[in-house]
Amino acid sequence: MAMENIIYPRPTEKFIYEKRAPVDAVCPACGGKNVKRYRVIMYLGPKIRTKCQDCLHTLQTEEPTVADQWPPYWAITRSGRWKPSRVG
């Protein structure tokens, strides 16, 4: 058995979805108020995105903080206390 199966067991839900938190903002593209903030994985790595759910306009893409708990694991170098070397 692989270690990831112990830490993250197979989901039992029929559908898996990301919870989207409503944000008190107005979309500058369409004027809609259906704006939500949620976690995403993209080519630049894990991010937090604020996006209009009506026209899909992205209002903000930001780096996650420890409080966001995204990703569920953090590299030791992201804590801010680790001083990277010039070598790597």
PDB file of N, CA and C in Angstrom:
ATOM      1  N   MET A   1       0.853  -1.181   0.000  1.00  0.00           N
ATOM      2  CA  MET A   1       0.000   0.000   0.000  1.00  0.00           C
ATOM      3  C   MET A   1       0.897   1.242   0.000  1.00  0.00           C
ATOM      4  N   ALA A   2       0.568   2.175  -0.850  1.00  0.00           N
ATOM      5  CA  ALA A   2       1.341   3.411  -0.947  1.00  0.00           C
ATOM      6  C   ALA A   2       0.994   4.346   0.210  1.00  0.00           C
ATOM      7  N   MET A   3       1.946   5.173   0.572  1.00  0.00           N
ATOM      8  CA  MET A   3       1.771   6.094   1.692  1.00  0.00           C
ATOM      9  C   MET A   3       0.626   7.070   1.456  1.00  0.00           C
ATOM     10  N   GLU A   4       0.447   7.529   0.203  1.00  0.00           N
ATOM     11  CA  GLU A   4      -0.629   8.497  -0.062  1.00  0.00           C
ATOM     12  C   GLU A   4      -2.011   7.899   0.168  1.00  0.00           C
ATOM     13  N   ASN A   5      -2.153   6.575   0.068  1.00  0.00           N
ATOM     14  CA  ASN A   5      -3.439   5.939   0.342  1.00  0.00           C
ATOM     15  C   ASN A   5      -3.754   5.928   1.833  1.00  0.00           C
ATOM     16  N   ILE A   6      -2.717   5.959   2.652  1.00  0.00           N
ATOM     17  CA  ILE A   6      -2.925   6.005   4.098  1.00  0.00           C
ATOM     18  C   ILE A   6      -3.275   7.425   4.520  1.00  0.00           C
ATOM     19  N   ILE A   7      -2.549   8.403   3.988  1.00  0.00           N
ATOM     20  CA  ILE A   7      -2.771   9.801   4.367  1.00  0.00           C
ATOM     21  C   ILE A   7      -4.058  10.338   3.741  1.00  0.00           C
ATOM     22  N   TYR A   8      -4.267  10.070   2.460  1.00  0.00           N
ATOM     23  CA  TYR A   8      -5.445  10.541   1.741  1.00  0.00           C
ATOM     24  C   TYR A   8      -6.193   9.329   1.199  1.00  0.00           C
ATOM     25  N   PRO A   9      -7.111   8.744   1.968  1.00  0.00           N
ATOM     26  CA  PRO A   9      -7.825   7.560   1.492  1.00  0.00           C
ATOM     27  C   PRO A   9      -8.740   7.890   0.320  1.00  0.00           C
ATOM     28  N   ARG A  10      -9.143   6.864  -0.409  1.00  0.00           N
ATOM     29  CA  ARG A  10     -10.042   7.023  -1.558  1.00  0.00           C
ATOM     30  C   ARG A  10     -11.354   7.649  -1.096  1.00  0.00           C
ATOM     31  N   PRO A  11     -11.831   8.678  -1.784  1.00  0.00           N
ATOM     32  CA  PRO A  11     -13.101   9.315  -1.390  1.00  0.00           C
ATOM     33  C   PRO A  11     -14.279   8.355  -1.533  1.00  0.00           C
ATOM     34  N   THR A  12     -15.252   8.529  -0.668  1.00  0.00           N
ATOM     35  CA  THR A  12     -16.460   7.697  -0.729  1.00  0.00           C
ATOM     36  C   THR A  12     -17.637   8.457  -1.336  1.00  0.00           C
ATOM     37  N   GLU A  13     -17.478   9.787  -1.536  1.00  0.00           N
ATOM     38  CA  GLU A  13     -18.561  10.573  -2.121  1.00  0.00           C
ATOM     39  C   GLU A  13     -18.697  10.258  -3.605  1.00  0.00           C
ATOM     40  N   LYS A  14     -19.916  10.376  -4.113  1.00  0.00           N
ATOM     41  CA  LYS A  14     -20.152  10.136  -5.533  1.00  0.00           C
ATOM     42  C   LYS A  14     -19.565  11.273  -6.374  1.00  0.00           C
ATOM     43  N   PHE A  15     -19.698  12.512  -5.905  1.00  0.00           N
ATOM     44  CA  PHE A  15     -19.162  13.675  -6.607  1.00  0.00           C
ATOM     45  C   PHE A  15     -18.238  14.438  -5.676  1.00  0.00           C
ATOM     46  N   ILE A  16     -17.123  14.897  -6.217  1.00  0.00           N
ATOM     47  CA  ILE A  16     -16.168  15.687  -5.449  1.00  0.00           C
ATOM     48  C   ILE A  16     -16.174  17.104  -6.018  1.00  0.00           C
ATOM     49  N   TYR A  17     -16.275  18.098  -5.148  1.00  0.00           N
ATOM     50  CA  TYR A  17     -16.323  19.477  -5.605  1.00  0.00           C
ATOM     51  C   TYR A  17     -15.587  20.369  -4.617  1.00  0.00           C
ATOM     52  N   GLU A  18     -15.204  21.522  -5.069  1.00  0.00           N
ATOM     53  CA  GLU A  18     -14.530  22.503  -4.233  1.00  0.00           C
ATOM     54  C   GLU A  18     -15.564  23.483  -3.687  1.00  0.00           C
ATOM     55  N   LYS A  19     -15.519  23.720  -2.386  1.00  0.00           N
ATOM     56  CA  LYS A  19     -16.429  24.693  -1.777  1.00  0.00           C
ATOM     57  C   LYS A  19     -15.970  26.091  -2.152  1.00  0.00           C
ATOM     58  N   ARG A  20     -16.894  26.921  -2.589  1.00  0.00           N
ATOM     59  CA  ARG A  20     -16.596  28.287  -3.011  1.00  0.00           C
ATOM     60  C   ARG A  20     -17.242  29.261  -2.037  1.00  0.00           C
ATOM     61  N   ALA A  21     -16.404  30.103  -1.459  1.00  0.00           N
ATOM     62  CA  ALA A  21     -16.875  31.068  -0.456  1.00  0.00           C
ATOM     63  C   ALA A  21     -17.330  32.355  -1.136  1.00  0.00           C
ATOM     64  N   PRO A  22     -18.532  32.826  -0.822  1.00  0.00           N
ATOM     65  CA  PRO A  22     -18.998  34.090  -1.402  1.00  0.00           C
ATOM     66  C   PRO A  22     -18.154  35.269  -0.919  1.00  0.00           C
ATOM     67  N   VAL A  23     -17.940  36.229  -1.814  1.00  0.00           N
ATOM     68  CA  VAL A  23     -17.152  37.426  -1.525  1.00  0.00           C
ATOM     69  C   VAL A  23     -18.040  38.645  -1.748  1.00  0.00           C
ATOM     70  N   ASP A  24     -17.918  39.622  -0.880  1.00  0.00           N
ATOM     71  CA  ASP A  24     -18.696  40.857  -1.019  1.00  0.00           C
ATOM     72  C   ASP A  24     -17.970  41.764  -2.009  1.00  0.00           C
ATOM     73  N   ALA A  25     -18.227  41.535  -3.307  1.00  0.00           N
ATOM     74  CA  ALA A  25     -17.581  42.307  -4.370  1.00  0.00           C
ATOM     75  C   ALA A  25     -18.512  42.359  -5.580  1.00  0.00           C
ATOM     76  N   VAL A  26     -18.223  43.282  -6.462  1.00  0.00           N
ATOM     77  CA  VAL A  26     -18.977  43.425  -7.706  1.00  0.00           C
ATOM     78  C   VAL A  26     -18.009  43.187  -8.857  1.00  0.00           C
ATOM     79  N   CYS A  27     -18.422  42.393  -9.831  1.00  0.00           N
ATOM     80  CA  CYS A  27     -17.580  42.082 -10.978  1.00  0.00           C
ATOM     81  C   CYS A  27     -17.422  43.328 -11.856  1.00  0.00           C
ATOM     82  N   PRO A  28     -16.188  43.722 -12.174  1.00  0.00           N
ATOM     83  CA  PRO A  28     -15.991  44.897 -13.022  1.00  0.00           C
ATOM     84  C   PRO A  28     -16.357  44.648 -14.485  1.00  0.00           C
ATOM     85  N   ALA A  29     -16.427  43.388 -14.896  1.00  0.00           N
ATOM     86  CA  ALA A  29     -16.735  43.075 -16.292  1.00  0.00           C
ATOM     87  C   ALA A  29     -18.235  43.092 -16.578  1.00  0.00           C
ATOM     88  N   CYS A  30     -19.019  42.453 -15.684  1.00  0.00           N
ATOM     89  CA  CYS A  30     -20.459  42.348 -15.976  1.00  0.00           C
ATOM     90  C   CYS A  30     -21.341  43.033 -14.944  1.00  0.00           C
ATOM     91  N   GLY A  31     -20.774  43.467 -13.809  1.00  0.00           N
ATOM     92  CA  GLY A  31     -21.561  44.122 -12.776  1.00  0.00           C
ATOM     93  C   GLY A  31     -22.287  43.155 -11.866  1.00  0.00           C
ATOM     94  N   GLY A  32     -22.038  41.852 -12.021  1.00  0.00           N
ATOM     95  CA  GLY A  32     -22.703  40.844 -11.192  1.00  0.00           C
ATOM     96  C   GLY A  32     -22.149  40.792  -9.782  1.00  0.00           C
ATOM     97  N   LYS A  33     -22.962  40.285  -8.856  1.00  0.00           N
ATOM     98  CA  LYS A  33     -22.559  40.182  -7.462  1.00  0.00           C
ATOM     99  C   LYS A  33     -22.275  38.743  -7.047  1.00  0.00           C
ATOM    100  N   ASN A  34     -22.315  37.819  -8.004  1.00  0.00           N
ATOM    101  CA  ASN A  34     -22.056  36.410  -7.718  1.00  0.00           C
ATOM    102  C   ASN A  34     -20.549  36.130  -7.830  1.00  0.00           C
ATOM    103  N   VAL A  35     -19.780  36.672  -6.891  1.00  0.00           N
ATOM    104  CA  VAL A  35     -18.319  36.543  -6.878  1.00  0.00           C
ATOM    105  C   VAL A  35     -17.935  35.594  -5.753  1.00  0.00           C
ATOM    106  N   LYS A  36     -17.064  34.630  -6.061  1.00  0.00           N
ATOM    107  CA  LYS A  36     -16.666  33.637  -5.064  1.00  0.00           C
ATOM    108  C   LYS A  36     -15.162  33.431  -5.066  1.00  0.00           C
ATOM    109  N   ARG A  37     -14.644  32.987  -3.920  1.00  0.00           N
ATOM    110  CA  ARG A  37     -13.214  32.740  -3.720  1.00  0.00           C
ATOM    111  C   ARG A  37     -13.040  31.247  -3.474  1.00  0.00           C
ATOM    112  N   TYR A  38     -12.050  30.638  -4.155  1.00  0.00           N
ATOM    113  CA  TYR A  38     -11.827  29.204  -3.994  1.00  0.00           C
ATOM    114  C   TYR A  38     -10.405  28.829  -4.363  1.00  0.00           C
ATOM    115  N   ARG A  39     -10.023  27.615  -3.993  1.00  0.00           N
ATOM    116  CA  ARG A  39      -8.668  27.114  -4.221  1.00  0.00           C
ATOM    117  C   ARG A  39      -8.577  26.486  -5.606  1.00  0.00           C
ATOM    118  N   VAL A  40      -7.440  26.684  -6.275  1.00  0.00           N
ATOM    119  CA  VAL A  40      -7.212  26.084  -7.591  1.00  0.00           C
ATOM    120  C   VAL A  40      -5.768  25.577  -7.680  1.00  0.00           C
ATOM    121  N   ILE A  41      -5.573  24.611  -8.568  1.00  0.00           N
ATOM    122  CA  ILE A  41      -4.243  24.170  -8.964  1.00  0.00           C
ATOM    123  C   ILE A  41      -4.095  24.596 -10.406  1.00  0.00           C
ATOM    124  N   MET A  42      -3.029  25.333 -10.690  1.00  0.00           N
ATOM    125  CA  MET A  42      -2.799  25.779 -12.051  1.00  0.00           C
ATOM    126  C   MET A  42      -1.337  25.564 -12.414  1.00  0.00           C
ATOM    127  N   TYR A  43      -0.958  25.941 -13.590  1.00  0.00           N
ATOM    128  CA  TYR A  43       0.408  25.692 -14.050  1.00  0.00           C
ATOM    129  C   TYR A  43       1.450  26.429 -13.215  1.00  0.00           C
ATOM    130  N   LEU A  44       1.058  27.446 -12.478  1.00  0.00           N
ATOM    131  CA  LEU A  44       1.969  28.177 -11.596  1.00  0.00           C
ATOM    132  C   LEU A  44       1.989  27.611 -10.181  1.00  0.00           C
ATOM    133  N   GLY A  45       1.238  26.537  -9.950  1.00  0.00           N
ATOM    134  CA  GLY A  45       1.173  25.924  -8.631  1.00  0.00           C
ATOM    135  C   GLY A  45      -0.156  26.219  -7.950  1.00  0.00           C
ATOM    136  N   PRO A  46      -0.260  25.946  -6.649  1.00  0.00           N
ATOM    137  CA  PRO A  46      -1.502  26.190  -5.924  1.00  0.00           C
ATOM    138  C   PRO A  46      -1.755  27.682  -5.747  1.00  0.00           C
ATOM    139  N   LYS A  47      -2.983  28.101  -6.002  1.00  0.00           N
ATOM    140  CA  LYS A  47      -3.366  29.515  -5.888  1.00  0.00           C
ATOM    141  C   LYS A  47      -4.758  29.612  -5.266  1.00  0.00           C
ATOM    142  N   ILE A  48      -5.106  30.829  -4.852  1.00  0.00           N
ATOM    143  CA  ILE A  48      -6.454  31.165  -4.400  1.00  0.00           C
ATOM    144  C   ILE A  48      -7.010  32.137  -5.421  1.00  0.00           C
ATOM    145  N   ARG A  49      -8.179  31.829  -5.961  1.00  0.00           N
ATOM    146  CA  ARG A  49      -8.735  32.640  -7.031  1.00  0.00           C
ATOM    147  C   ARG A  49     -10.071  33.227  -6.610  1.00  0.00           C
ATOM    148  N   THR A  50     -10.274  34.501  -6.933  1.00  0.00           N
ATOM    149  CA  THR A  50     -11.560  35.182  -6.740  1.00  0.00           C
ATOM    150  C   THR A  50     -12.109  35.433  -8.136  1.00  0.00           C
ATOM    151  N   LYS A  51     -13.308  34.899  -8.394  1.00  0.00           N
ATOM    152  CA  LYS A  51     -13.820  34.909  -9.761  1.00  0.00           C
ATOM    153  C   LYS A  51     -15.336  35.110  -9.785  1.00  0.00           C
ATOM    154  N   CYS A  52     -15.795  35.827 -10.810  1.00  0.00           N
ATOM    155  CA  CYS A  52     -17.232  36.012 -11.026  1.00  0.00           C
ATOM    156  C   CYS A  52     -17.807  34.705 -11.560  1.00  0.00           C
ATOM    157  N   GLN A  53     -18.871  34.236 -10.953  1.00  0.00           N
ATOM    158  CA  GLN A  53     -19.474  32.978 -11.369  1.00  0.00           C
ATOM    159  C   GLN A  53     -20.458  33.146 -12.523  1.00  0.00           C
ATOM    160  N   ASP A  54     -20.794  34.390 -12.859  1.00  0.00           N
ATOM    161  CA  ASP A  54     -21.710  34.646 -13.967  1.00  0.00           C
ATOM    162  C   ASP A  54     -20.972  34.736 -15.302  1.00  0.00           C
ATOM    163  N   CYS A  55     -19.909  35.553 -15.356  1.00  0.00           N
ATOM    164  CA  CYS A  55     -19.196  35.742 -16.630  1.00  0.00           C
ATOM    165  C   CYS A  55     -17.801  35.115 -16.630  1.00  0.00           C
ATOM    166  N   LEU A  56     -17.394  34.515 -15.483  1.00  0.00           N
ATOM    167  CA  LEU A  56     -16.103  33.846 -15.323  1.00  0.00           C
ATOM    168  C   LEU A  56     -14.908  34.791 -15.421  1.00  0.00           C
ATOM    169  N   HIS A  57     -15.114  36.077 -15.143  1.00  0.00           N
ATOM    170  CA  HIS A  57     -14.017  37.041 -15.100  1.00  0.00           C
ATOM    171  C   HIS A  57     -13.239  36.848 -13.800  1.00  0.00           C
ATOM    172  N   THR A  58     -11.905  36.767 -13.887  1.00  0.00           N
ATOM    173  CA  THR A  58     -11.052  36.615 -12.713  1.00  0.00           C
ATOM    174  C   THR A  58     -10.770  37.984 -12.116  1.00  0.00           C
ATOM    175  N   LEU A  59     -11.159  38.179 -10.858  1.00  0.00           N
ATOM    176  CA  LEU A  59     -10.904  39.429 -10.160  1.00  0.00           C
ATOM    177  C   LEU A  59      -9.530  39.422  -9.521  1.00  0.00           C
ATOM    178  N   GLN A  60      -9.111  38.253  -8.982  1.00  0.00           N
ATOM    179  CA  GLN A  60      -7.831  38.193  -8.291  1.00  0.00           C
ATOM    180  C   GLN A  60      -7.333  36.754  -8.235  1.00  0.00           C
ATOM    181  N   THR A  61      -6.023  36.587  -8.410  1.00  0.00           N
ATOM    182  CA  THR A  61      -5.341  35.323  -8.198  1.00  0.00           C
ATOM    183  C   THR A  61      -4.193  35.602  -7.256  1.00  0.00           C
ATOM    184  N   GLU A  62      -4.158  34.901  -6.117  1.00  0.00           N
ATOM    185  CA  GLU A  62      -3.163  35.201  -5.096  1.00  0.00           C
ATOM    186  C   GLU A  62      -2.481  33.947  -4.565  1.00  0.00           C
ATOM    187  N   GLU A  63      -1.345  34.149  -3.944  1.00  0.00           N
ATOM    188  CA  GLU A  63      -0.620  33.055  -3.298  1.00  0.00           C
ATOM    189  C   GLU A  63      -1.377  32.648  -2.036  1.00  0.00           C
ATOM    190  N   PRO A  64      -1.505  31.354  -1.775  1.00  0.00           N
ATOM    191  CA  PRO A  64      -2.176  30.930  -0.546  1.00  0.00           C
ATOM    192  C   PRO A  64      -1.314  31.190   0.682  1.00  0.00           C
ATOM    193  N   THR A  65      -1.976  31.424   1.801  1.00  0.00           N
ATOM    194  CA  THR A  65      -1.283  31.583   3.080  1.00  0.00           C
ATOM    195  C   THR A  65      -1.483  30.306   3.886  1.00  0.00           C
ATOM    196  N   VAL A  66      -0.811  30.207   5.002  1.00  0.00           N
ATOM    197  CA  VAL A  66      -0.957  29.029   5.855  1.00  0.00           C
ATOM    198  C   VAL A  66      -2.407  28.915   6.337  1.00  0.00           C
ATOM    199  N   ALA A  67      -3.078  30.035   6.574  1.00  0.00           N
ATOM    200  CA  ALA A  67      -4.472  30.028   7.029  1.00  0.00           C
ATOM    201  C   ALA A  67      -5.409  29.445   5.986  1.00  0.00           C
ATOM    202  N   ASP A  68      -5.054  29.537   4.694  1.00  0.00           N
ATOM    203  CA  ASP A  68      -5.891  28.971   3.638  1.00  0.00           C
ATOM    204  C   ASP A  68      -5.835  27.449   3.605  1.00  0.00           C
ATOM    205  N   GLN A  69      -4.826  26.859   4.225  1.00  0.00           N
ATOM    206  CA  GLN A  69      -4.625  25.408   4.232  1.00  0.00           C
ATOM    207  C   GLN A  69      -4.636  24.838   2.822  1.00  0.00           C
ATOM    208  N   TRP A  70      -3.944  25.519   1.940  1.00  0.00           N
ATOM    209  CA  TRP A  70      -3.877  25.067   0.559  1.00  0.00           C
ATOM    210  C   TRP A  70      -2.477  25.267   0.034  1.00  0.00           C
ATOM    211  N   PRO A  71      -1.795  24.272  -0.425  1.00  0.00           N
ATOM    212  CA  PRO A  71      -2.188  22.872  -0.485  1.00  0.00           C
ATOM    213  C   PRO A  71      -2.241  22.261   0.914  1.00  0.00           C
ATOM    214  N   PRO A  72      -2.797  21.043   1.022  1.00  0.00           N
ATOM    215  CA  PRO A  72      -2.941  20.439   2.351  1.00  0.00           C
ATOM    216  C   PRO A  72      -1.606  20.127   3.014  1.00  0.00           C
ATOM    217  N   TYR A  73      -0.535  20.171   2.258  1.00  0.00           N
ATOM    218  CA  TYR A  73       0.804  19.972   2.796  1.00  0.00           C
ATOM    219  C   TYR A  73       1.654  21.176   2.369  1.00  0.00           C
ATOM    220  N   TRP A  74       2.613  21.552   3.153  1.00  0.00           N
ATOM    221  CA  TRP A  74       3.487  22.676   2.829  1.00  0.00           C
ATOM    222  C   TRP A  74       4.923  22.202   2.821  1.00  0.00           C
ATOM    223  N   ALA A  75       5.673  22.631   1.851  1.00  0.00           N
ATOM    224  CA  ALA A  75       7.104  22.344   1.829  1.00  0.00           C
ATOM    225  C   ALA A  75       7.766  23.112   2.963  1.00  0.00           C
ATOM    226  N   ILE A  76       8.802  22.554   3.542  1.00  0.00           N
ATOM    227  CA  ILE A  76       9.473  23.199   4.667  1.00  0.00           C
ATOM    228  C   ILE A  76      10.037  24.563   4.284  1.00  0.00           C
ATOM    229  N   THR A  77      10.346  24.756   3.020  1.00  0.00           N
ATOM    230  CA  THR A  77      10.923  26.023   2.571  1.00  0.00           C
ATOM    231  C   THR A  77       9.897  27.145   2.492  1.00  0.00           C
ATOM    232  N   ARG A  78       8.608  26.848   2.542  1.00  0.00           N
ATOM    233  CA  ARG A  78       7.574  27.884   2.428  1.00  0.00           C
ATOM    234  C   ARG A  78       7.198  28.506   3.756  1.00  0.00           C
ATOM    235  N   SER A  79       7.777  28.037   4.843  1.00  0.00           N
ATOM    236  CA  SER A  79       7.404  28.549   6.163  1.00  0.00           C
ATOM    237  C   SER A  79       7.923  29.965   6.401  1.00  0.00           C
ATOM    238  N   GLY A  80       8.944  30.400   5.638  1.00  0.00           N
ATOM    239  CA  GLY A  80       9.496  31.726   5.835  1.00  0.00           C
ATOM    240  C   GLY A  80      10.695  31.730   6.761  1.00  0.00           C
ATOM    241  N   ARG A  81      10.884  30.655   7.518  1.00  0.00           N
ATOM    242  CA  ARG A  81      12.020  30.562   8.435  1.00  0.00           C
ATOM    243  C   ARG A  81      13.224  29.884   7.784  1.00  0.00           C
ATOM    244  N   TRP A  82      13.016  29.270   6.643  1.00  0.00           N
ATOM    245  CA  TRP A  82      14.076  28.545   5.941  1.00  0.00           C
ATOM    246  C   TRP A  82      14.771  29.502   5.001  1.00  0.00           C
ATOM    247  N   LYS A  83      16.062  29.665   5.155  1.00  0.00           N
ATOM    248  CA  LYS A  83      16.838  30.542   4.288  1.00  0.00           C
ATOM    249  C   LYS A  83      17.388  29.742   3.118  1.00  0.00           C
ATOM    250  N   PRO A  84      16.917  29.978   1.898  1.00  0.00           N
ATOM    251  CA  PRO A  84      17.422  29.230   0.745  1.00  0.00           C
ATOM    252  C   PRO A  84      18.853  29.650   0.405  1.00  0.00           C
ATOM    253  N   SER A  85      19.584  28.706  -0.137  1.00  0.00           N
ATOM    254  CA  SER A  85      20.948  29.004  -0.553  1.00  0.00           C
ATOM    255  C   SER A  85      20.959  29.408  -2.019  1.00  0.00           C
ATOM    256  N   ARG A  86      22.062  29.920  -2.485  1.00  0.00           N
ATOM    257  CA  ARG A  86      22.186  30.295  -3.898  1.00  0.00           C
ATOM    258  C   ARG A  86      22.301  29.068  -4.775  1.00  0.00           C
ATOM    259  N   VAL A  87      22.649  27.938  -4.192  1.00  0.00           N
ATOM    260  CA  VAL A  87      22.846  26.702  -4.953  1.00  0.00           C
ATOM    261  C   VAL A  87      21.508  26.127  -5.399  1.00  0.00           C
ATOM    262  N   GLY A  88      20.529  26.137  -4.537  1.00  0.00           N
ATOM    263  CA  GLY A  88      19.308  25.467  -4.925  1.00  0.00           C
ATOM    264  C   GLY A  88      18.106  26.084  -4.417  1.00  0.00           C
TER     265      GLY A  88
END
